[in-house]
Amino acid sequence: MNSDYKKYQRVAVLVDVQNVYYSARHIHGGRVHYKKLLEEAVDGRQLVRAIAYIVQTPEADQSTFREMLDHEGFEIKVKEVRVRSDGSMKADWDMGIAIDAISMADKLDVIVLVSGDGDFVDMVNLLKSRGVFVEVYSFEKSTNTDLIKVANRHFPMGAAHVIRASRPENQSAPDRRPAQNNHRPRPDNPPRTGGRPAQSRRMRPPLRASLPSGQGPTQPG
């Protein structure tokens, strides 16, 4: 696309956090690199809004995650998990994202949807009918094929869009204590059990080849 034309395009980036979180975790074993994602999605155009849609569960502390998103320039919208009468839980932003996208359509040239959820197919078709260019960013392995087809452009996310954990979550940090001497004692040099500590093998003076008759080693005074 011509860069002179592109810089005048107004763009909004809408991120279905729950969808891409699980995709990044299960496919690439990491978390989404939101700074890189936003830079690529905006691509030198005029950013009008960048919104991250988060589902909040009672047991999860997302304060650090929210601070990171805020620092990277995202507006954050949070929805609490709803518990149904049968005890099951429902938590998604499908309707909320669709409402925001349609309400902003007249003020935008491009909407970037970051999700692989096929429930957005009708929304994408409606936005296109109103003259909005729709781009979809998602992990291809977990993306609905119909969503890829209806988008004006699909950008497959991959390892470059993921920050991998330094080690698997179930793997503890390596032991950084100094290595212990695991040499077995030689038969002619058994470990002492009492008295003064035994000298290091490296510092022990060499045995004399022979001693005069009736004379032993000099004893300490």
Protein backbone atom coordinates (compact mmCIF):
# COMPACT_ATOMS: atom_id res chain seq x y z
CA MET A 1 0.00 0.00 0.00
CA ASN A 2 1.26 3.50 -0.84
CA SER A 3 2.84 4.96 2.31
CA ASP A 4 1.65 8.49 1.53
CA TYR A 5 -1.93 7.28 1.41
CA LYS A 6 -1.56 4.93 4.36
CA LYS A 7 -0.48 7.62 6.82
CA TYR A 8 -3.89 9.30 6.46
CA GLN A 9 -5.89 6.16 7.26
CA ARG A 10 -7.67 6.08 10.61
CA VAL A 11 -7.38 2.74 12.36
CA ALA A 12 -8.71 1.10 15.51
CA VAL A 13 -7.23 -2.08 17.03
CA LEU A 14 -9.62 -4.34 18.96
CA VAL A 15 -8.03 -7.21 20.89
CA ASP A 16 -9.99 -10.22 22.10
CA VAL A 17 -7.53 -10.90 24.93
CA GLN A 18 -9.03 -14.18 26.09
CA ASN A 19 -8.90 -15.67 22.59
CA VAL A 20 -5.29 -14.82 21.80
CA TYR A 21 -4.10 -15.55 25.35
CA TYR A 22 -5.03 -19.22 25.15
CA SER A 23 -3.79 -19.53 21.57
CA ALA A 24 -0.37 -18.10 22.46
CA ARG A 25 -0.14 -20.30 25.51
CA HIS A 26 -1.18 -23.60 23.93
CA ILE A 27 0.45 -23.19 20.51
CA HIS A 28 3.68 -21.38 21.38
CA GLY A 29 4.03 -21.79 25.13
CA GLY A 30 4.19 -18.08 25.87
CA ARG A 31 2.25 -14.84 26.04
CA VAL A 32 1.35 -12.26 23.42
CA HIS A 33 3.92 -9.56 22.70
CA TYR A 34 1.43 -6.67 22.79
CA LYS A 35 3.92 -3.94 21.96
CA LYS A 36 5.01 -5.68 18.76
CA LEU A 37 1.41 -6.56 17.91
CA LEU A 38 0.22 -2.96 18.19
CA GLU A 39 3.13 -1.61 16.15
CA GLU A 40 2.42 -4.05 13.32
CA ALA A 41 -1.34 -3.51 13.43
CA VAL A 42 -1.05 0.29 13.26
CA ASP A 43 1.65 0.10 10.57
CA GLY A 44 2.30 3.83 10.37
CA ARG A 45 -1.38 4.81 10.19
CA GLN A 46 -3.34 7.15 12.45
CA LEU A 47 -4.32 5.21 15.57
CA VAL A 48 -7.72 6.34 16.82
CA ARG A 49 -8.26 3.72 19.53
CA ALA A 50 -6.59 0.53 20.74
CA ILE A 51 -8.83 -1.47 23.04
CA ALA A 52 -8.01 -4.64 24.96
CA TYR A 53 -11.05 -6.61 26.13
CA ILE A 54 -10.34 -8.58 29.30
CA VAL A 55 -12.37 -11.18 31.19
CA GLN A 56 -11.87 -10.98 34.95
CA THR A 57 -12.12 -14.09 37.10
CA PRO A 58 -12.34 -13.80 40.90
CA GLU A 59 -9.22 -15.85 41.58
CA ALA A 60 -6.92 -14.09 39.10
CA ASP A 61 -4.91 -10.97 39.89
CA GLN A 62 -4.49 -9.16 36.57
CA SER A 63 -3.20 -5.87 37.95
CA THR A 64 0.31 -6.30 36.51
CA PHE A 65 -1.09 -7.37 33.14
CA ARG A 66 -3.38 -4.33 33.02
CA GLU A 67 -0.51 -2.01 33.87
CA MET A 68 1.48 -3.45 30.98
CA LEU A 69 -1.40 -2.94 28.53
CA ASP A 70 -1.92 0.61 29.75
CA HIS A 71 1.79 1.32 29.35
CA GLU A 72 1.72 0.03 25.75
CA GLY A 73 -1.14 2.38 24.86
CA PHE A 74 -4.23 0.20 25.17
CA GLU A 75 -7.56 1.26 26.56
CA ILE A 76 -8.77 -1.54 28.82
CA LYS A 77 -12.30 -2.86 29.12
CA VAL A 78 -13.07 -5.48 31.76
CA LYS A 79 -15.99 -7.87 32.07
CA GLU A 80 -16.63 -10.05 35.10
CA VAL A 81 -17.33 -13.74 34.68
CA ARG A 82 -21.05 -14.56 34.85
CA VAL A 83 -22.18 -17.68 36.68
CA ARG A 84 -25.30 -19.34 35.26
CA SER A 85 -28.01 -20.95 37.37
CA ASP A 86 -26.62 -24.41 36.59
CA GLY A 87 -23.20 -23.42 37.94
CA SER A 88 -21.49 -23.05 34.56
CA MET A 89 -19.66 -19.84 33.73
CA LYS A 90 -19.84 -17.56 30.71
CA ALA A 91 -17.29 -14.94 29.89
CA ASP A 92 -16.72 -13.45 26.47
CA TRP A 93 -16.64 -10.08 24.77
CA ASP A 94 -18.17 -11.04 21.41
CA MET A 95 -21.15 -8.72 21.67
CA GLY A 96 -19.22 -5.89 23.28
CA ILE A 97 -16.51 -5.92 20.61
CA ALA A 98 -19.13 -5.99 17.85
CA ILE A 99 -21.02 -3.04 19.34
CA ASP A 100 -17.84 -0.96 19.66
CA ALA A 101 -16.70 -1.80 16.12
CA ILE A 102 -20.03 -0.88 14.53
CA SER A 103 -20.39 2.31 16.58
CA MET A 104 -16.91 3.49 15.47
CA ALA A 105 -17.25 2.42 11.82
CA ASP A 106 -18.19 5.86 10.47
CA LYS A 107 -15.07 7.42 12.01
CA LEU A 108 -12.59 4.82 10.77
CA ASP A 109 -11.03 3.60 7.57
CA VAL A 110 -9.61 0.36 8.99
CA ILE A 111 -10.52 -1.90 11.89
CA VAL A 112 -7.97 -4.44 13.05
CA LEU A 113 -9.59 -7.35 14.86
CA VAL A 114 -7.20 -9.46 16.93
CA SER A 115 -9.09 -12.72 17.36
CA GLY A 116 -9.66 -16.05 15.68
CA ASP A 117 -13.26 -16.42 16.85
CA GLY A 118 -15.71 -17.35 14.10
CA ASP A 119 -18.51 -15.51 15.92
CA PHE A 120 -17.13 -12.31 14.37
CA VAL A 121 -17.85 -13.35 10.77
CA ASP A 122 -21.18 -11.46 10.61
CA MET A 123 -19.63 -8.40 12.21
CA VAL A 124 -16.84 -8.34 9.62
CA ASN A 125 -19.35 -8.59 6.78
CA LEU A 126 -21.38 -5.71 8.21
CA LEU A 127 -18.29 -3.51 8.63
CA LYS A 128 -17.23 -4.18 5.05
CA SER A 129 -20.70 -3.25 3.80
CA ARG A 130 -20.24 0.11 5.48
CA GLY A 131 -16.96 0.77 3.71
CA VAL A 132 -14.57 -0.24 6.48
CA PHE A 133 -11.46 -2.24 5.57
CA VAL A 134 -11.16 -5.13 8.04
CA GLU A 135 -7.88 -6.78 8.94
CA VAL A 136 -7.66 -9.82 11.20
CA TYR A 137 -4.64 -10.81 13.26
CA SER A 138 -4.76 -14.28 14.80
CA PHE A 139 -2.92 -17.55 15.35
CA GLU A 140 -3.87 -19.46 12.23
CA LYS A 141 -4.05 -22.88 13.90
CA SER A 142 -6.81 -21.65 16.19
CA THR A 143 -8.65 -19.40 13.73
CA ASN A 144 -12.02 -20.08 12.18
CA THR A 145 -11.55 -20.53 8.42
CA ASP A 146 -14.65 -18.48 7.59
CA LEU A 147 -13.21 -15.53 9.49
CA ILE A 148 -10.04 -15.72 7.39
CA LYS A 149 -12.10 -15.79 4.20
CA VAL A 150 -14.31 -12.79 4.98
CA ALA A 151 -11.52 -10.52 6.22
CA ASN A 152 -10.04 -8.08 3.72
CA ARG A 153 -6.64 -9.20 4.94
CA HIS A 154 -5.53 -11.86 7.39
CA PHE A 155 -2.18 -11.64 9.16
CA PRO A 156 -1.16 -14.94 10.77
CA MET A 157 0.48 -14.50 14.13
CA GLY A 158 3.37 -16.74 15.07
CA ALA A 159 6.35 -17.17 17.35
CA ALA A 160 7.52 -13.63 16.59
CA HIS A 161 4.38 -12.30 18.30
CA VAL A 162 4.95 -14.32 21.48
CA ILE A 163 7.17 -13.78 24.48
CA ARG A 164 8.23 -17.24 25.57
CA ALA A 165 8.72 -18.15 29.20
CA SER A 166 12.39 -18.50 30.16
CA ARG A 167 11.66 -22.05 31.25
CA PRO A 168 8.59 -24.31 31.41
CA GLU A 169 6.21 -23.34 34.18
CA ASN A 170 6.63 -26.71 35.92
CA GLN A 171 10.44 -26.55 35.81
CA SER A 172 12.23 -25.13 38.80
CA ALA A 173 15.26 -22.90 38.56
CA PRO A 174 18.58 -24.68 38.22
CA ASP A 175 20.62 -25.20 41.38
CA ARG A 176 23.35 -22.57 41.32
CA ARG A 177 25.17 -23.71 44.48
CA PRO A 178 28.88 -24.58 44.08
CA ALA A 179 29.43 -28.12 42.90
CA GLN A 180 30.30 -30.56 45.67
CA ASN A 181 33.29 -32.90 45.58
CA ASN A 182 31.79 -36.24 44.63
CA HIS A 183 35.08 -38.17 44.47
CA ARG A 184 34.99 -41.42 46.40
CA PRO A 185 37.75 -41.84 49.02
CA ARG A 186 40.63 -44.03 47.99
CA PRO A 187 41.03 -47.29 49.91
CA ASP A 188 44.41 -46.17 51.34
CA ASN A 189 43.03 -42.81 52.39
CA PRO A 190 39.80 -43.46 54.35
CA PRO A 191 37.91 -40.43 55.67
CA ARG A 192 38.60 -39.54 59.27
CA THR A 193 35.76 -39.74 61.73
CA GLY A 194 37.24 -37.72 64.59
CA GLY A 195 39.98 -35.32 65.59
CA ARG A 196 41.07 -32.58 63.28
CA PRO A 197 39.44 -32.24 59.87
CA ALA A 198 41.14 -34.21 57.11
CA GLN A 199 43.27 -32.20 54.72
CA SER A 200 42.25 -31.77 51.13
CA ARG A 201 43.74 -34.44 48.92
CA ARG A 202 45.28 -31.73 46.77
CA MET A 203 47.07 -30.12 49.76
CA ARG A 204 48.23 -33.39 51.41
CA PRO A 205 52.04 -33.73 51.37
CA PRO A 206 53.38 -36.72 49.43
CA LEU A 207 54.31 -39.89 51.36
CA ARG A 208 58.00 -40.52 51.77
CA ALA A 209 59.41 -43.41 49.81
CA SER A 210 61.23 -44.83 52.88
CA LEU A 211 62.10 -43.87 56.45
CA PRO A 212 65.16 -44.80 58.54
CA SER A 213 64.68 -47.89 60.73
CA GLY A 214 62.90 -47.08 63.99
CA GLN A 215 62.00 -43.55 62.95
CA GLY A 216 58.44 -42.53 62.21
CA PRO A 217 57.02 -39.30 60.95
CA THR A 218 57.58 -36.31 63.17
CA GLN A 219 54.57 -35.89 65.48
CA PRO A 220 53.08 -32.51 66.15
CA GLY A 221 54.09 -31.04 69.44
